[in-house]
Amino acid sequence: MRLVVRWGFAVSVSLSAFVVSWWVCQAVMGMHEGKALGVAGAVLTVVVAVAAWLAARERPGDSTGTGAWVSQSVRARRDAYTAGRDLKINARSRPGE
């Protein structure tokens, strides 16, 4: 639910910024409609980028993960290269493998 509220807030702030900047440019500053819409679109782009980044950000302590580590076991021959963070390599392999 908090994610929906954050995104709803981001959308409403972005829409408000667009409308207010369009009104300021056209009514207060006396710009033509095309120029006012261009400036309002630029303001909208900046506000949407910041608001979307903030809305999508994971808050500390909000993660729903279990915190379990993933481990992997790999059997490789001598000519194979294996790499990984939590990797266990079984050095004993059967002759036919």
N, C-alpha and C. Protein backbone atom coordinates (compact mmCIF):
# COMPACT_ATOMS: atom_id res chain seq x y z
N MET A 1 0.82 -1.19 0.00
CA MET A 1 0.00 0.00 0.00
C MET A 1 0.86 1.25 0.00
N ARG A 2 1.98 1.19 0.73
CA ARG A 2 2.84 2.37 0.77
C ARG A 2 3.45 2.67 -0.58
N LEU A 3 3.70 1.63 -1.38
CA LEU A 3 4.24 1.84 -2.72
C LEU A 3 3.23 2.57 -3.60
N VAL A 4 1.96 2.20 -3.49
CA VAL A 4 0.92 2.87 -4.27
C VAL A 4 0.79 4.33 -3.85
N VAL A 5 0.90 4.60 -2.57
CA VAL A 5 0.81 5.97 -2.07
C VAL A 5 1.99 6.80 -2.58
N ARG A 6 3.19 6.21 -2.55
CA ARG A 6 4.36 6.94 -3.04
C ARG A 6 4.26 7.26 -4.51
N TRP A 7 3.81 6.29 -5.33
CA TRP A 7 3.67 6.55 -6.76
C TRP A 7 2.53 7.52 -7.05
N GLY A 8 1.45 7.42 -6.30
CA GLY A 8 0.36 8.38 -6.46
C GLY A 8 0.79 9.79 -6.13
N PHE A 9 1.58 9.92 -5.08
CA PHE A 9 2.13 11.23 -4.71
C PHE A 9 3.07 11.75 -5.80
N ALA A 10 3.90 10.88 -6.37
CA ALA A 10 4.83 11.28 -7.42
C ALA A 10 4.08 11.77 -8.66
N VAL A 11 3.02 11.06 -9.03
CA VAL A 11 2.24 11.47 -10.20
C VAL A 11 1.52 12.78 -9.94
N SER A 12 0.94 12.94 -8.76
CA SER A 12 0.20 14.17 -8.47
C SER A 12 1.14 15.38 -8.37
N VAL A 13 2.33 15.21 -7.81
CA VAL A 13 3.29 16.30 -7.74
C VAL A 13 3.76 16.68 -9.15
N SER A 14 3.99 15.69 -9.99
CA SER A 14 4.43 15.96 -11.36
C SER A 14 3.35 16.70 -12.15
N LEU A 15 2.13 16.26 -12.02
CA LEU A 15 1.02 16.93 -12.72
C LEU A 15 0.84 18.36 -12.21
N SER A 16 0.95 18.54 -10.92
CA SER A 16 0.82 19.89 -10.34
C SER A 16 1.94 20.80 -10.81
N ALA A 17 3.15 20.29 -10.87
CA ALA A 17 4.28 21.10 -11.35
C ALA A 17 4.07 21.51 -12.80
N PHE A 18 3.55 20.61 -13.63
CA PHE A 18 3.29 20.93 -15.02
C PHE A 18 2.24 22.03 -15.14
N VAL A 19 1.13 21.88 -14.43
CA VAL A 19 0.04 22.84 -14.53
C VAL A 19 0.47 24.21 -14.00
N VAL A 20 1.15 24.23 -12.87
CA VAL A 20 1.57 25.51 -12.29
C VAL A 20 2.60 26.21 -13.17
N SER A 21 3.56 25.47 -13.70
CA SER A 21 4.56 26.11 -14.56
C SER A 21 3.94 26.58 -15.87
N TRP A 22 2.98 25.86 -16.41
CA TRP A 22 2.28 26.29 -17.62
C TRP A 22 1.51 27.58 -17.34
N TRP A 23 0.82 27.62 -16.20
CA TRP A 23 0.04 28.81 -15.85
C TRP A 23 0.95 30.02 -15.62
N VAL A 24 2.06 29.81 -14.91
CA VAL A 24 2.98 30.92 -14.65
C VAL A 24 3.57 31.46 -15.95
N CYS A 25 3.96 30.57 -16.83
CA CYS A 25 4.57 31.02 -18.09
C CYS A 25 3.56 31.74 -18.98
N GLN A 26 2.34 31.25 -19.06
CA GLN A 26 1.37 31.82 -19.98
C GLN A 26 0.64 33.01 -19.38
N ALA A 27 0.13 32.90 -18.19
CA ALA A 27 -0.69 33.97 -17.61
C ALA A 27 0.14 35.07 -16.96
N VAL A 28 1.12 34.69 -16.19
CA VAL A 28 1.89 35.68 -15.44
C VAL A 28 2.97 36.32 -16.32
N MET A 29 3.74 35.51 -17.05
CA MET A 29 4.84 36.03 -17.85
C MET A 29 4.42 36.44 -19.25
N GLY A 30 3.26 36.03 -19.70
CA GLY A 30 2.74 36.43 -21.01
C GLY A 30 3.36 35.72 -22.20
N MET A 31 3.87 34.51 -22.01
CA MET A 31 4.44 33.74 -23.13
C MET A 31 3.33 33.22 -24.02
N HIS A 32 3.69 32.92 -25.26
CA HIS A 32 2.73 32.28 -26.16
C HIS A 32 2.49 30.85 -25.67
N GLU A 33 1.39 30.27 -26.14
CA GLU A 33 1.01 28.95 -25.62
C GLU A 33 2.04 27.87 -25.93
N GLY A 34 2.63 27.89 -27.12
CA GLY A 34 3.61 26.89 -27.49
C GLY A 34 4.86 26.95 -26.63
N LYS A 35 5.37 28.16 -26.40
CA LYS A 35 6.55 28.32 -25.56
C LYS A 35 6.25 27.94 -24.11
N ALA A 36 5.06 28.33 -23.64
CA ALA A 36 4.68 28.00 -22.27
C ALA A 36 4.58 26.48 -22.08
N LEU A 37 4.01 25.80 -23.07
CA LEU A 37 3.94 24.34 -22.99
C LEU A 37 5.32 23.69 -23.05
N GLY A 38 6.22 24.28 -23.83
CA GLY A 38 7.59 23.75 -23.90
C GLY A 38 8.31 23.86 -22.57
N VAL A 39 8.19 25.02 -21.93
CA VAL A 39 8.82 25.21 -20.62
C VAL A 39 8.18 24.29 -19.59
N ALA A 40 6.84 24.18 -19.63
CA ALA A 40 6.15 23.31 -18.68
C ALA A 40 6.53 21.84 -18.90
N GLY A 41 6.75 21.47 -20.16
CA GLY A 41 7.20 20.10 -20.44
C GLY A 41 8.59 19.83 -19.91
N ALA A 42 9.48 20.83 -19.99
CA ALA A 42 10.82 20.67 -19.43
C ALA A 42 10.76 20.55 -17.91
N VAL A 43 9.93 21.36 -17.28
CA VAL A 43 9.76 21.27 -15.83
C VAL A 43 9.19 19.90 -15.46
N LEU A 44 8.21 19.43 -16.23
CA LEU A 44 7.61 18.12 -15.97
C LEU A 44 8.65 17.01 -16.07
N THR A 45 9.53 17.09 -17.05
CA THR A 45 10.56 16.06 -17.21
C THR A 45 11.47 15.98 -15.99
N VAL A 46 11.89 17.12 -15.50
CA VAL A 46 12.78 17.12 -14.33
C VAL A 46 12.05 16.62 -13.09
N VAL A 47 10.82 17.08 -12.89
CA VAL A 47 10.07 16.69 -11.69
C VAL A 47 9.71 15.21 -11.73
N VAL A 48 9.34 14.70 -12.90
CA VAL A 48 9.01 13.27 -13.02
C VAL A 48 10.24 12.41 -12.73
N ALA A 49 11.40 12.83 -13.23
CA ALA A 49 12.62 12.04 -13.00
C ALA A 49 12.93 11.96 -11.50
N VAL A 50 12.86 13.07 -10.81
CA VAL A 50 13.17 13.08 -9.38
C VAL A 50 12.10 12.33 -8.58
N ALA A 51 10.82 12.57 -8.91
CA ALA A 51 9.73 11.94 -8.18
C ALA A 51 9.71 10.42 -8.39
N ALA A 52 9.98 9.98 -9.60
CA ALA A 52 10.01 8.54 -9.88
C ALA A 52 11.18 7.88 -9.17
N TRP A 53 12.32 8.55 -9.11
CA TRP A 53 13.47 7.99 -8.39
C TRP A 53 13.14 7.85 -6.91
N LEU A 54 12.50 8.86 -6.34
CA LEU A 54 12.15 8.79 -4.92
C LEU A 54 11.06 7.75 -4.65
N ALA A 55 10.09 7.64 -5.56
CA ALA A 55 8.99 6.69 -5.35
C ALA A 55 9.46 5.24 -5.47
N ALA A 56 10.41 4.98 -6.33
CA ALA A 56 10.86 3.61 -6.56
C ALA A 56 11.95 3.18 -5.58
N ARG A 57 12.46 4.11 -4.82
CA ARG A 57 13.55 3.81 -3.89
C ARG A 57 13.07 2.93 -2.76
N GLU A 58 13.90 1.94 -2.42
CA GLU A 58 13.59 1.04 -1.30
C GLU A 58 14.02 1.71 0.00
N ARG A 59 13.12 1.82 0.93
CA ARG A 59 13.43 2.45 2.21
C ARG A 59 14.18 1.46 3.09
N PRO A 60 15.10 1.92 3.91
CA PRO A 60 15.82 0.99 4.80
C PRO A 60 14.85 0.28 5.75
N GLY A 61 14.98 -1.02 5.84
CA GLY A 61 14.12 -1.81 6.71
C GLY A 61 12.79 -2.19 6.08
N ASP A 62 12.55 -1.79 4.82
CA ASP A 62 11.30 -2.13 4.15
C ASP A 62 11.38 -3.40 3.32
N SER A 63 12.54 -4.00 3.23
CA SER A 63 12.67 -5.15 2.35
C SER A 63 11.82 -6.32 2.86
N THR A 64 11.25 -7.03 1.91
CA THR A 64 10.40 -8.17 2.28
C THR A 64 11.14 -9.49 2.13
N GLY A 65 12.43 -9.44 1.83
CA GLY A 65 13.21 -10.66 1.67
C GLY A 65 13.44 -11.36 3.01
N THR A 66 13.80 -12.62 2.92
CA THR A 66 14.03 -13.40 4.13
C THR A 66 15.44 -13.24 4.65
N GLY A 67 16.34 -12.73 3.84
CA GLY A 67 17.71 -12.55 4.27
C GLY A 67 18.54 -13.81 4.19
N ALA A 68 18.04 -14.84 3.53
CA ALA A 68 18.78 -16.09 3.41
C ALA A 68 19.85 -15.97 2.33
N TRP A 69 20.98 -16.62 2.57
CA TRP A 69 22.04 -16.62 1.59
C TRP A 69 21.83 -17.75 0.60
N VAL A 70 22.27 -17.55 -0.60
CA VAL A 70 22.19 -18.58 -1.62
C VAL A 70 23.57 -19.17 -1.80
N SER A 71 23.67 -20.48 -1.73
CA SER A 71 24.96 -21.12 -1.95
C SER A 71 24.84 -22.05 -3.15
N GLN A 72 25.98 -22.32 -3.74
CA GLN A 72 26.00 -23.11 -4.96
C GLN A 72 27.18 -24.07 -4.89
N SER A 73 26.96 -25.30 -5.28
CA SER A 73 28.03 -26.29 -5.35
C SER A 73 28.31 -26.59 -6.80
N VAL A 74 29.59 -26.62 -7.13
CA VAL A 74 29.98 -26.82 -8.53
C VAL A 74 31.07 -27.88 -8.57
N ARG A 75 30.95 -28.81 -9.51
CA ARG A 75 32.02 -29.76 -9.76
C ARG A 75 32.62 -29.40 -11.12
N ALA A 76 33.88 -29.15 -11.14
CA ALA A 76 34.51 -28.75 -12.39
C ALA A 76 35.79 -29.56 -12.61
N ARG A 77 36.12 -29.76 -13.86
CA ARG A 77 37.38 -30.42 -14.18
C ARG A 77 38.50 -29.39 -14.13
N ARG A 78 39.68 -29.83 -14.40
CA ARG A 78 40.84 -28.95 -14.27
C ARG A 78 40.80 -27.81 -15.28
N ASP A 79 40.28 -28.03 -16.47
CA ASP A 79 40.30 -27.00 -17.51
C ASP A 79 39.09 -26.05 -17.43
N ALA A 80 38.21 -26.26 -16.48
CA ALA A 80 37.02 -25.41 -16.37
C ALA A 80 37.29 -24.25 -15.42
N TYR A 81 36.69 -23.14 -15.71
CA TYR A 81 36.82 -21.95 -14.86
C TYR A 81 35.46 -21.67 -14.24
N THR A 82 35.40 -21.61 -12.93
CA THR A 82 34.16 -21.28 -12.24
C THR A 82 34.42 -20.14 -11.28
N ALA A 83 33.47 -19.25 -11.19
CA ALA A 83 33.62 -18.10 -10.30
C ALA A 83 32.28 -17.79 -9.67
N GLY A 84 32.29 -17.28 -8.47
CA GLY A 84 31.05 -16.90 -7.80
C GLY A 84 31.34 -16.41 -6.40
N ARG A 85 30.39 -15.75 -5.81
CA ARG A 85 30.59 -15.18 -4.48
C ARG A 85 30.60 -16.28 -3.43
N ASP A 86 29.58 -17.10 -3.39
CA ASP A 86 29.48 -18.19 -2.42
C ASP A 86 29.60 -19.50 -3.19
N LEU A 87 30.81 -19.90 -3.44
CA LEU A 87 31.04 -21.04 -4.32
C LEU A 87 31.84 -22.09 -3.59
N LYS A 88 31.35 -23.31 -3.62
CA LYS A 88 32.07 -24.44 -3.05
C LYS A 88 32.49 -25.33 -4.22
N ILE A 89 33.75 -25.62 -4.31
CA ILE A 89 34.24 -26.48 -5.38
C ILE A 89 34.66 -27.80 -4.76
N ASN A 90 34.07 -28.87 -5.27
CA ASN A 90 34.44 -30.21 -4.81
C ASN A 90 35.68 -30.63 -5.59
N ALA A 91 36.80 -30.75 -4.91
CA ALA A 91 38.05 -31.08 -5.58
C ALA A 91 38.09 -32.55 -5.98
N ARG A 92 37.36 -33.39 -5.30
CA ARG A 92 37.35 -34.81 -5.62
C ARG A 92 36.29 -35.08 -6.67
N SER A 93 36.71 -35.50 -7.81
CA SER A 93 35.74 -35.88 -8.84
C SER A 93 36.03 -37.31 -9.28
N ARG A 94 35.01 -37.92 -9.79
CA ARG A 94 35.17 -39.30 -10.25
C ARG A 94 35.92 -39.28 -11.59
N PRO A 95 36.65 -40.34 -11.87
CA PRO A 95 37.44 -40.36 -13.12
C PRO A 95 36.62 -40.24 -14.39
N GLY A 96 35.39 -40.69 -14.41
CA GLY A 96 34.59 -40.65 -15.64
C GLY A 96 33.81 -39.35 -15.83
N GLU A 97 33.90 -38.43 -14.92
CA GLU A 97 33.08 -37.21 -15.01
C GLU A 97 33.80 -36.07 -15.66
